[in-house]
Amino acid sequence: MEASLDYHFGTQLQTHIKTPTSLKIAIIGFGNVAQFLAKAFVSQGHTVLAHSRSDHSDTAAKLGVSFFNDPHDLCEEHPEVVMLCTSILSTKSVLESIPFQRLRRSTLFVDVLSVKEFPRSLFLEILPEEFDILCTHPMFGPESDKKGWAGLPFMYDKVRIGNDDIRISRCGRFLDVFAREGCRMVEMSCADHDKYAAESQFITHTMGRILERFGFESSSINTKGAKDSFDLYYGLSMYNSNAMEQLEKLESAFQSVKRELSGNLQSLYSRQLFEDEGE
């Protein structure tokens, strides 16, 4: 899904006046989702920097974002917030490639992955102890931009936030970006998120892939649907410890429905057979 990019939009954003509450936010990984989120950051007056393996400098310029080809140069800008916007599968390698020594101590690290226990564990394992950690999951994507974010859930877990006023305020100002857009703010532990997500998101993706392989013929009354990448689906299954349990429950539920249907059909057949013999 491509986020819509408007040149005039980016030009207008340059005129925003920075406020005392504005943040300097660095985004690592600048694909569709990152660009989608960057638009909201810039529109609210925040300074946004970006780095990615691919060159997105032209797109960044249109959005009012400063793009850096070298992560060292980006980190030397001393962003207050570093947001990882990578795929689940590449998160560890990207995190390990960041030159932490060039950042200010106590920098806030944020992720936006669809699984939460995995990045939480990585952050706690790899990041210096002085850095703050906020795990989040915007439960929407670039397609939601057409209707706005009002009422859409934004999950977050303050995994490690310093107890001084500056750190607390910085975390609050970042979360306020989504609150101001009208999101329904949901504070939840990473463990609970993954439990609920396996019951809903993973099963939904699984059913979509099953139906994709079913071999339906195209018709004039087809309905539109969204298609996720296999990397995302693989990440949801491999990095959510609840996924396999839900897959087993799905298989069990399918077998239960199949047995119920077979039993009812057998009962109907037997009833009809007896009625025919009685005539």
Protein backbone atom coordinates (compact mmCIF):
# COMPACT_ATOMS: atom_id res chain seq x y z
CA MET A 1 0.00 0.00 0.00
CA GLU A 2 1.46 3.28 -1.03
CA ALA A 3 1.01 6.38 1.09
CA SER A 4 -0.18 9.28 -1.03
CA LEU A 5 2.49 11.91 -1.44
CA ASP A 6 1.63 15.44 -2.33
CA TYR A 7 4.37 17.87 -3.28
CA HIS A 8 2.36 20.89 -2.20
CA PHE A 9 1.67 19.22 1.14
CA GLY A 10 5.38 18.99 1.83
CA THR A 11 5.92 22.60 0.82
CA GLN A 12 3.19 23.82 3.16
CA LEU A 13 4.65 21.86 6.07
CA GLN A 14 7.87 23.85 5.84
CA THR A 15 5.97 26.92 7.03
CA HIS A 16 4.90 25.41 10.35
CA ILE A 17 6.27 27.28 13.36
CA LYS A 18 7.99 25.08 15.92
CA THR A 19 6.48 25.17 19.39
CA PRO A 20 8.05 24.48 22.80
CA THR A 21 6.37 21.07 22.71
CA SER A 22 7.85 20.05 19.35
CA LEU A 23 10.17 17.05 19.18
CA LYS A 24 13.08 16.05 16.98
CA ILE A 25 12.11 12.58 15.79
CA ALA A 26 14.42 10.28 13.83
CA ILE A 27 12.82 7.48 11.83
CA ILE A 28 14.95 4.44 10.99
CA GLY A 29 13.45 2.71 7.95
CA PHE A 30 11.51 5.00 5.64
CA GLY A 31 9.08 2.80 3.75
CA ASN A 32 5.34 3.30 3.28
CA VAL A 33 4.36 3.11 6.95
CA ALA A 34 7.17 5.42 8.03
CA GLN A 35 6.20 7.99 5.40
CA PHE A 36 2.59 7.70 6.49
CA LEU A 37 3.49 8.45 10.12
CA ALA A 38 6.02 11.15 9.19
CA LYS A 39 3.25 13.21 7.57
CA ALA A 40 1.44 13.44 10.91
CA PHE A 41 4.64 14.28 12.82
CA VAL A 42 5.55 17.11 10.46
CA SER A 43 2.01 18.45 10.23
CA GLN A 44 2.01 18.90 14.02
CA GLY A 45 5.23 20.91 13.91
CA HIS A 46 7.79 18.27 14.86
CA THR A 47 11.22 18.09 13.21
CA VAL A 48 11.58 14.76 11.43
CA LEU A 49 14.79 13.07 10.29
CA ALA A 50 14.98 9.77 8.43
CA HIS A 51 17.42 7.07 7.40
CA SER A 52 16.87 3.96 5.30
CA ARG A 53 18.93 1.47 3.31
CA SER A 54 17.17 2.69 0.15
CA ASP A 55 17.44 6.30 -0.98
CA HIS A 56 14.14 8.04 -0.17
CA SER A 57 15.59 11.55 -0.23
CA ASP A 58 13.18 12.85 -2.88
CA THR A 59 10.11 11.55 -1.09
CA ALA A 60 11.43 12.83 2.24
CA ALA A 61 11.95 16.31 0.80
CA LYS A 62 8.34 16.42 -0.42
CA LEU A 63 7.16 15.52 3.08
CA GLY A 64 9.34 18.09 4.82
CA VAL A 65 11.66 15.40 6.25
CA SER A 66 15.48 15.59 6.33
CA PHE A 67 16.90 12.37 4.87
CA PHE A 68 20.32 10.97 5.84
CA ASN A 69 22.06 8.23 3.87
CA ASP A 70 24.49 7.62 6.75
CA PRO A 71 23.07 6.65 10.17
CA HIS A 72 26.08 8.28 11.87
CA ASP A 73 25.12 11.64 10.41
CA LEU A 74 21.53 11.20 11.53
CA CYS A 75 22.52 10.30 15.09
CA GLU A 76 24.83 13.30 15.30
CA GLU A 77 21.72 15.47 14.93
CA HIS A 78 20.84 14.26 18.46
CA PRO A 79 17.17 13.38 17.97
CA GLU A 80 15.10 13.20 21.14
CA VAL A 81 13.17 10.20 19.79
CA VAL A 82 14.39 7.37 17.56
CA MET A 83 11.55 5.38 16.02
CA LEU A 84 12.26 2.03 14.38
CA CYS A 85 9.96 1.49 11.42
CA THR A 86 11.44 -1.69 9.97
CA SER A 87 10.10 -5.13 9.11
CA ILE A 88 9.86 -7.63 11.97
CA LEU A 89 12.54 -9.82 10.37
CA SER A 90 15.12 -7.02 10.01
CA THR A 91 14.58 -5.34 13.39
CA LYS A 92 17.51 -6.94 15.20
CA SER A 93 20.09 -6.27 12.49
CA VAL A 94 18.91 -2.67 12.08
CA LEU A 95 18.97 -2.02 15.82
CA GLU A 96 22.49 -3.43 16.13
CA SER A 97 23.68 -1.17 13.29
CA ILE A 98 22.72 2.08 15.02
CA PRO A 99 25.73 4.02 16.40
CA PHE A 100 24.37 4.53 19.92
CA GLN A 101 27.52 6.36 21.00
CA ARG A 102 26.55 9.30 18.78
CA LEU A 103 23.16 9.75 20.47
CA ARG A 104 22.44 11.64 23.65
CA ARG A 105 22.11 9.50 26.73
CA SER A 106 18.45 8.92 27.67
CA THR A 107 17.27 9.07 24.04
CA LEU A 108 13.75 7.62 23.71
CA PHE A 109 13.50 4.55 21.45
CA VAL A 110 10.13 3.61 19.97
CA ASP A 111 9.00 0.75 17.75
CA VAL A 112 5.80 0.31 15.73
CA LEU A 113 5.91 -3.43 15.00
CA SER A 114 2.83 -5.66 14.83
CA VAL A 115 4.34 -7.90 17.54
CA LYS A 116 5.45 -6.47 20.86
CA GLU A 117 7.26 -8.93 23.13
CA PHE A 118 9.94 -9.41 20.47
CA PRO A 119 11.02 -5.73 20.15
CA ARG A 120 10.63 -5.25 23.90
CA SER A 121 13.13 -8.02 24.57
CA LEU A 122 15.50 -6.71 21.88
CA PHE A 123 15.41 -3.18 23.24
CA LEU A 124 16.10 -4.35 26.79
CA GLU A 125 18.93 -6.59 25.59
CA ILE A 126 20.68 -4.26 23.11
CA LEU A 127 20.00 -0.66 24.08
CA PRO A 128 22.17 1.09 26.67
CA GLU A 129 20.49 1.18 30.07
CA GLU A 130 20.27 4.98 29.94
CA PHE A 131 17.88 4.92 26.96
CA ASP A 132 14.12 5.06 27.40
CA ILE A 133 11.88 2.47 25.74
CA LEU A 134 8.33 2.85 24.43
CA CYS A 135 6.75 -0.05 22.53
CA THR A 136 3.76 0.90 20.37
CA HIS A 137 1.46 -0.49 17.72
CA PRO A 138 -0.67 1.85 15.61
CA MET A 139 -3.54 -0.50 14.73
CA PHE A 140 -3.95 1.09 11.31
CA GLY A 141 -1.91 1.87 8.20
CA PRO A 142 -1.58 4.07 5.12
CA GLU A 143 -5.05 3.17 3.85
CA SER A 144 -6.52 4.74 7.01
CA ASP A 145 -5.15 8.13 5.95
CA LYS A 146 -8.14 8.58 3.62
CA LYS A 147 -10.56 8.68 6.53
CA GLY A 148 -8.34 10.06 9.28
CA TRP A 149 -7.28 8.34 12.50
CA ALA A 150 -10.23 9.30 14.71
CA GLY A 151 -11.32 6.37 16.85
CA LEU A 152 -8.56 4.03 15.62
CA PRO A 153 -6.69 2.19 18.40
CA PHE A 154 -3.09 3.04 19.25
CA MET A 155 -1.52 0.57 21.67
CA TYR A 156 1.48 1.51 23.79
CA ASP A 157 3.58 0.15 26.66
CA LYS A 158 5.94 2.40 28.63
CA VAL A 159 8.57 -0.30 29.04
CA ARG A 160 11.29 1.94 30.52
CA ILE A 161 10.75 5.66 31.00
CA GLY A 162 12.94 7.66 33.36
CA ASN A 163 11.20 9.23 36.34
CA ASP A 164 12.41 12.79 35.78
CA ASP A 165 10.07 15.43 34.36
CA ILE A 166 11.93 15.81 31.05
CA ARG A 167 11.70 12.12 30.15
CA ILE A 168 8.09 11.82 31.25
CA SER A 169 7.17 14.93 29.26
CA ARG A 170 8.99 13.71 26.14
CA CYS A 171 7.15 10.39 26.19
CA GLY A 172 3.85 12.21 26.70
CA ARG A 173 4.52 14.59 23.81
CA PHE A 174 5.23 11.68 21.48
CA LEU A 175 2.03 9.89 22.47
CA ASP A 176 0.16 13.16 22.12
CA VAL A 177 0.81 13.09 18.36
CA PHE A 178 -1.62 10.19 18.09
CA ALA A 179 -4.03 11.50 20.70
CA ARG A 180 -4.33 14.78 18.80
CA GLU A 181 -5.17 12.86 15.63
CA GLY A 182 -8.11 11.34 17.50
CA CYS A 183 -6.69 7.87 18.13
CA ARG A 184 -8.16 5.73 20.89
CA MET A 185 -5.15 5.44 23.20
CA VAL A 186 -4.78 1.95 24.69
CA GLU A 187 -2.11 1.38 27.35
CA MET A 188 -1.41 -2.36 27.46
CA SER A 189 1.49 -4.65 28.28
CA CYS A 190 3.40 -6.15 25.37
CA ALA A 191 2.47 -9.64 26.60
CA ASP A 192 -1.25 -8.86 26.58
CA HIS A 193 -0.97 -7.24 23.15
CA ASP A 194 0.57 -10.36 21.64
CA LYS A 195 -2.05 -12.58 23.27
CA TYR A 196 -4.94 -10.55 21.85
CA ALA A 197 -3.22 -9.97 18.49
CA ALA A 198 -2.71 -13.71 18.00
CA GLU A 199 -6.45 -14.21 18.59
CA SER A 200 -7.41 -11.57 16.04
CA GLN A 201 -4.72 -10.23 13.71
CA PHE A 202 -2.81 -13.48 13.17
CA ILE A 203 -5.97 -15.54 12.63
CA THR A 204 -7.31 -12.93 10.19
CA HIS A 205 -4.07 -13.05 8.18
CA THR A 206 -4.15 -16.86 8.29
CA MET A 207 -7.71 -17.06 6.97
CA GLY A 208 -6.81 -14.62 4.21
CA ARG A 209 -3.94 -16.85 3.09
CA ILE A 210 -6.08 -19.98 3.25
CA LEU A 211 -8.74 -18.36 1.06
CA GLU A 212 -6.03 -17.12 -1.30
CA ARG A 213 -5.00 -20.73 -1.92
CA PHE A 214 -8.58 -21.97 -2.20
CA GLY A 215 -8.67 -21.31 -5.93
CA PHE A 216 -11.78 -19.16 -6.23
CA GLU A 217 -12.65 -18.09 -9.75
CA SER A 218 -12.92 -14.36 -10.41
CA SER A 219 -16.44 -13.05 -10.92
CA SER A 220 -18.29 -9.82 -11.56
CA ILE A 221 -19.28 -9.55 -7.87
CA ASN A 222 -15.81 -9.79 -6.32
CA THR A 223 -15.18 -7.67 -3.24
CA LYS A 224 -11.97 -5.75 -2.65
CA GLY A 225 -9.49 -7.00 -0.10
CA ALA A 226 -6.06 -6.10 1.23
CA LYS A 227 -3.01 -8.32 0.77
CA ASP A 228 -0.13 -8.39 3.25
CA SER A 229 3.45 -9.38 2.51
CA PHE A 230 4.60 -12.88 3.43
CA ASP A 231 7.39 -11.35 5.54
CA LEU A 232 4.77 -9.69 7.73
CA TYR A 233 2.75 -12.90 8.07
CA TYR A 234 5.90 -14.92 8.76
CA GLY A 235 6.95 -12.37 11.38
CA LEU A 236 3.55 -12.53 13.05
CA SER A 237 3.83 -16.30 13.32
CA MET A 238 7.50 -16.59 14.31
CA TYR A 239 7.75 -13.67 16.75
CA ASN A 240 4.45 -14.00 18.60
CA SER A 241 4.69 -16.94 20.99
CA ASN A 242 0.88 -17.24 21.01
CA ALA A 243 0.53 -17.73 17.25
CA MET A 244 1.02 -21.49 17.03
CA GLU A 245 -1.44 -22.08 19.86
CA GLN A 246 -4.06 -20.08 17.98
CA LEU A 247 -3.29 -22.01 14.79
CA GLU A 248 -3.96 -25.27 16.64
CA LYS A 249 -7.23 -23.83 17.99
CA LEU A 250 -8.22 -22.81 14.47
CA GLU A 251 -7.55 -26.32 13.19
CA SER A 252 -9.50 -27.81 16.10
CA ALA A 253 -12.42 -25.43 15.46
CA PHE A 254 -12.43 -26.37 11.77
CA GLN A 255 -12.54 -30.07 12.60
CA SER A 256 -15.35 -29.45 15.11
CA VAL A 257 -17.44 -27.61 12.52
CA LYS A 258 -16.73 -30.32 9.95
CA ARG A 259 -17.86 -33.04 12.39
CA GLU A 260 -21.00 -31.10 13.28
CA LEU A 261 -21.87 -30.58 9.62
CA SER A 262 -21.18 -34.23 8.80
CA GLY A 263 -23.29 -35.38 11.76
CA ASN A 264 -26.24 -33.22 10.73
CA LEU A 265 -26.01 -34.42 7.13
CA GLN A 266 -25.87 -38.04 8.31
CA SER A 267 -28.89 -37.49 10.55
CA LEU A 268 -30.83 -35.91 7.71
CA TYR A 269 -29.91 -38.74 5.34
CA SER A 270 -31.00 -41.38 7.86
CA ARG A 271 -34.30 -39.60 8.52
CA GLN A 272 -35.06 -39.40 4.81
CA LEU A 273 -34.13 -43.06 4.38
CA PHE A 274 -36.58 -44.18 7.08
CA GLU A 275 -39.32 -41.97 5.66
CA ASP A 276 -38.81 -43.51 2.20
CA GLU A 277 -38.99 -47.05 3.63
CA GLY A 278 -42.20 -46.25 5.48
CA GLU A 279 -44.07 -45.18 2.36
